[in-house]
């Protein structure tokens, strides 16, 4: 099995108000998110790739247009936790990227979440 990954970044705010007013994440705050998409294939294409990294431009374009410098509570249909963002992005890109097997979302250098159905 061949596996590749590519990272994308964006900055955005969110608020997890369900946590209660004493929780710091219930306050409006932001992160510099790092998104890693993970692709795999048992075979390489005729060029020797799982997927040409250049063909992943649509991921960057979507992140830039939809998530970057936005308030995630306003643009996502889910509570904007790392877990939900990972699943949301996976479900959005899976039809376009059949090689996609996981998405990783990191809010800080010390934390990350991986969604892999």
C-alpha atoms as a PDB file:
ATOM      1  CA  UNK A   1       0.000   0.000   0.000  1.00  0.00           C
ATOM      2  CA  UNK A   2       1.295   3.441  -0.944  1.00  0.00           C
ATOM      3  CA  UNK A   3       0.345   6.383   1.278  1.00  0.00           C
ATOM      4  CA  UNK A   4       0.870  10.083   0.748  1.00  0.00           C
ATOM      5  CA  UNK A   5      -0.229  13.216   2.574  1.00  0.00           C
ATOM      6  CA  UNK A   6      -0.412  16.929   1.930  1.00  0.00           C
ATOM      7  CA  UNK A   7      -0.920  19.773   4.372  1.00  0.00           C
ATOM      8  CA  UNK A   8      -3.021  22.902   4.040  1.00  0.00           C
ATOM      9  CA  UNK A   9      -3.481  25.729   6.531  1.00  0.00           C
ATOM     10  CA  UNK A  10      -6.029  28.380   7.346  1.00  0.00           C
ATOM     11  CA  UNK A  11      -6.899  30.776  10.152  1.00  0.00           C
ATOM     12  CA  UNK A  12     -10.392  31.013  11.565  1.00  0.00           C
ATOM     13  CA  UNK A  13     -12.416  31.691  14.690  1.00  0.00           C
ATOM     14  CA  UNK A  14     -14.975  29.544  16.427  1.00  0.00           C
ATOM     15  CA  UNK A  15     -16.888  29.299  19.663  1.00  0.00           C
ATOM     16  CA  UNK A  16     -17.933  26.121  21.450  1.00  0.00           C
ATOM     17  CA  UNK A  17     -20.712  27.634  23.529  1.00  0.00           C
ATOM     18  CA  UNK A  18     -22.205  24.251  24.509  1.00  0.00           C
ATOM     19  CA  UNK A  19     -19.280  23.806  26.901  1.00  0.00           C
ATOM     20  CA  UNK A  20     -20.549  26.409  29.353  1.00  0.00           C
ATOM     21  CA  UNK A  21     -19.355  29.915  30.095  1.00  0.00           C
ATOM     22  CA  UNK A  22     -16.471  28.840  32.367  1.00  0.00           C
ATOM     23  CA  UNK A  23     -14.758  26.775  29.671  1.00  0.00           C
ATOM     24  CA  UNK A  24     -12.155  28.773  27.712  1.00  0.00           C
ATOM     25  CA  UNK A  25     -13.304  27.267  24.399  1.00  0.00           C
ATOM     26  CA  UNK A  26     -16.802  28.633  24.999  1.00  0.00           C
ATOM     27  CA  UNK A  27     -15.388  32.108  24.427  1.00  0.00           C
ATOM     28  CA  UNK A  28     -14.842  33.425  20.930  1.00  0.00           C
ATOM     29  CA  UNK A  29     -11.301  32.482  19.911  1.00  0.00           C
ATOM     30  CA  UNK A  30      -9.282  31.487  16.872  1.00  0.00           C
ATOM     31  CA  UNK A  31      -6.722  29.004  15.631  1.00  0.00           C
ATOM     32  CA  UNK A  32      -4.191  28.623  12.885  1.00  0.00           C
ATOM     33  CA  UNK A  33      -5.478  25.293  11.629  1.00  0.00           C
ATOM     34  CA  UNK A  34      -3.336  22.708   9.880  1.00  0.00           C
ATOM     35  CA  UNK A  35      -5.239  20.227   7.713  1.00  0.00           C
ATOM     36  CA  UNK A  36      -3.523  17.075   6.483  1.00  0.00           C
ATOM     37  CA  UNK A  37      -5.203  14.945   3.859  1.00  0.00           C
ATOM     38  CA  UNK A  38      -4.079  11.315   3.679  1.00  0.00           C
ATOM     39  CA  UNK A  39      -4.403   9.311   0.474  1.00  0.00           C
ATOM     40  CA  UNK A  40      -3.590   5.692  -0.279  1.00  0.00           C
ATOM     41  CA  UNK A  41      -3.563   3.285  -3.178  1.00  0.00           C
ATOM     42  CA  UNK A  42      -2.389  -0.237  -3.830  1.00  0.00           C
ATOM     43  CA  UNK A  43      -1.277   0.801  -7.319  1.00  0.00           C
ATOM     44  CA  UNK A  44       0.500   3.813  -8.733  1.00  0.00           C
ATOM     45  CA  UNK A  45      -0.816   5.635 -11.776  1.00  0.00           C
ATOM     46  CA  UNK A  46       1.083   5.708 -15.075  1.00  0.00           C
ATOM     47  CA  UNK A  47       3.230   8.571 -13.746  1.00  0.00           C
ATOM     48  CA  UNK A  48       4.245   6.653 -10.604  1.00  0.00           C
ATOM     49  CA  UNK A  49       1.956   8.613  -8.260  1.00  0.00           C
ATOM     50  CA  UNK A  50      -0.780   7.766  -5.794  1.00  0.00           C
ATOM     51  CA  UNK A  51      -2.038  11.221  -6.795  1.00  0.00           C
ATOM     52  CA  UNK A  52      -0.205  14.148  -8.336  1.00  0.00           C
ATOM     53  CA  UNK A  53       0.124  16.767  -5.583  1.00  0.00           C
ATOM     54  CA  UNK A  54      -0.704  19.462  -8.138  1.00  0.00           C
ATOM     55  CA  UNK A  55      -4.124  17.881  -8.648  1.00  0.00           C
ATOM     56  CA  UNK A  56      -4.964  18.652  -5.016  1.00  0.00           C
ATOM     57  CA  UNK A  57      -5.240  22.368  -5.755  1.00  0.00           C
ATOM     58  CA  UNK A  58      -9.023  22.127  -5.359  1.00  0.00           C
ATOM     59  CA  UNK A  59      -8.543  21.325  -1.664  1.00  0.00           C
ATOM     60  CA  UNK A  60      -6.555  24.526  -1.133  1.00  0.00           C
ATOM     61  CA  UNK A  61      -9.026  26.530  -3.194  1.00  0.00           C
ATOM     62  CA  UNK A  62     -11.979  25.226  -1.149  1.00  0.00           C
ATOM     63  CA  UNK A  63     -10.266  25.857   2.196  1.00  0.00           C
ATOM     64  CA  UNK A  64      -9.237  29.366   1.148  1.00  0.00           C
ATOM     65  CA  UNK A  65     -12.692  30.279  -0.164  1.00  0.00           C
ATOM     66  CA  UNK A  66     -14.816  28.624   2.523  1.00  0.00           C
ATOM     67  CA  UNK A  67     -12.877  28.432   5.802  1.00  0.00           C
ATOM     68  CA  UNK A  68      -9.948  30.827   5.812  1.00  0.00           C
ATOM     69  CA  UNK A  69     -10.491  33.970   7.917  1.00  0.00           C
ATOM     70  CA  UNK A  70     -14.079  32.976   8.668  1.00  0.00           C
ATOM     71  CA  UNK A  71     -16.087  32.356  11.808  1.00  0.00           C
ATOM     72  CA  UNK A  72     -16.589  28.598  11.527  1.00  0.00           C
ATOM     73  CA  UNK A  73     -19.860  28.649  13.462  1.00  0.00           C
ATOM     74  CA  UNK A  74     -21.294  30.672  10.576  1.00  0.00           C
ATOM     75  CA  UNK A  75     -20.001  28.569   7.673  1.00  0.00           C
ATOM     76  CA  UNK A  76     -20.191  24.963   8.896  1.00  0.00           C
ATOM     77  CA  UNK A  77     -23.356  22.960   9.462  1.00  0.00           C
ATOM     78  CA  UNK A  78     -21.741  21.182  12.440  1.00  0.00           C
ATOM     79  CA  UNK A  79     -20.349  22.297  15.799  1.00  0.00           C
ATOM     80  CA  UNK A  80     -16.840  23.366  14.728  1.00  0.00           C
ATOM     81  CA  UNK A  81     -14.726  21.008  16.821  1.00  0.00           C
ATOM     82  CA  UNK A  82     -11.608  19.490  15.253  1.00  0.00           C
ATOM     83  CA  UNK A  83     -13.410  16.165  15.118  1.00  0.00           C
ATOM     84  CA  UNK A  84     -16.377  17.576  13.214  1.00  0.00           C
ATOM     85  CA  UNK A  85     -14.184  19.642  10.892  1.00  0.00           C
ATOM     86  CA  UNK A  86     -12.195  16.526   9.984  1.00  0.00           C
ATOM     87  CA  UNK A  87     -15.329  14.535   9.185  1.00  0.00           C
ATOM     88  CA  UNK A  88     -16.895  17.451   7.305  1.00  0.00           C
ATOM     89  CA  UNK A  89     -13.825  17.822   5.077  1.00  0.00           C
ATOM     90  CA  UNK A  90     -13.558  14.072   4.548  1.00  0.00           C
ATOM     91  CA  UNK A  91     -17.170  13.827   3.407  1.00  0.00           C
ATOM     92  CA  UNK A  92     -16.761  16.881   1.180  1.00  0.00           C
ATOM     93  CA  UNK A  93     -13.634  15.614  -0.602  1.00  0.00           C
ATOM     94  CA  UNK A  94     -14.155  11.837  -0.705  1.00  0.00           C
ATOM     95  CA  UNK A  95     -16.261  11.900  -3.913  1.00  0.00           C
ATOM     96  CA  UNK A  96     -13.537  13.904  -5.670  1.00  0.00           C
ATOM     97  CA  UNK A  97     -10.623  11.958  -4.157  1.00  0.00           C
ATOM     98  CA  UNK A  98     -11.363   8.222  -4.021  1.00  0.00           C
ATOM     99  CA  UNK A  99      -7.833   7.659  -2.655  1.00  0.00           C
ATOM    100  CA  UNK A 100      -8.694   9.717   0.450  1.00  0.00           C
ATOM    101  CA  UNK A 101      -8.705   7.574   3.594  1.00  0.00           C
ATOM    102  CA  UNK A 102      -8.258  10.093   6.426  1.00  0.00           C
ATOM    103  CA  UNK A 103      -8.176  13.766   7.305  1.00  0.00           C
ATOM    104  CA  UNK A 104      -6.208  15.210  10.186  1.00  0.00           C
ATOM    105  CA  UNK A 105      -7.027  18.556  11.796  1.00  0.00           C
ATOM    106  CA  UNK A 106      -4.664  20.336  14.149  1.00  0.00           C
ATOM    107  CA  UNK A 107      -5.663  23.458  16.072  1.00  0.00           C
ATOM    108  CA  UNK A 108      -2.352  23.817  17.890  1.00  0.00           C
ATOM    109  CA  UNK A 109       1.131  22.290  17.531  1.00  0.00           C
ATOM    110  CA  UNK A 110       0.292  20.024  20.482  1.00  0.00           C
ATOM    111  CA  UNK A 111      -3.130  18.732  19.421  1.00  0.00           C
ATOM    112  CA  UNK A 112      -4.615  16.927  16.451  1.00  0.00           C
ATOM    113  CA  UNK A 113      -7.584  14.826  15.465  1.00  0.00           C
ATOM    114  CA  UNK A 114      -7.784  12.219  12.707  1.00  0.00           C
ATOM    115  CA  UNK A 115     -11.041  11.178  11.075  1.00  0.00           C
ATOM    116  CA  UNK A 116     -10.783   7.853   9.296  1.00  0.00           C
ATOM    117  CA  UNK A 117     -14.065   6.059   8.590  1.00  0.00           C
END
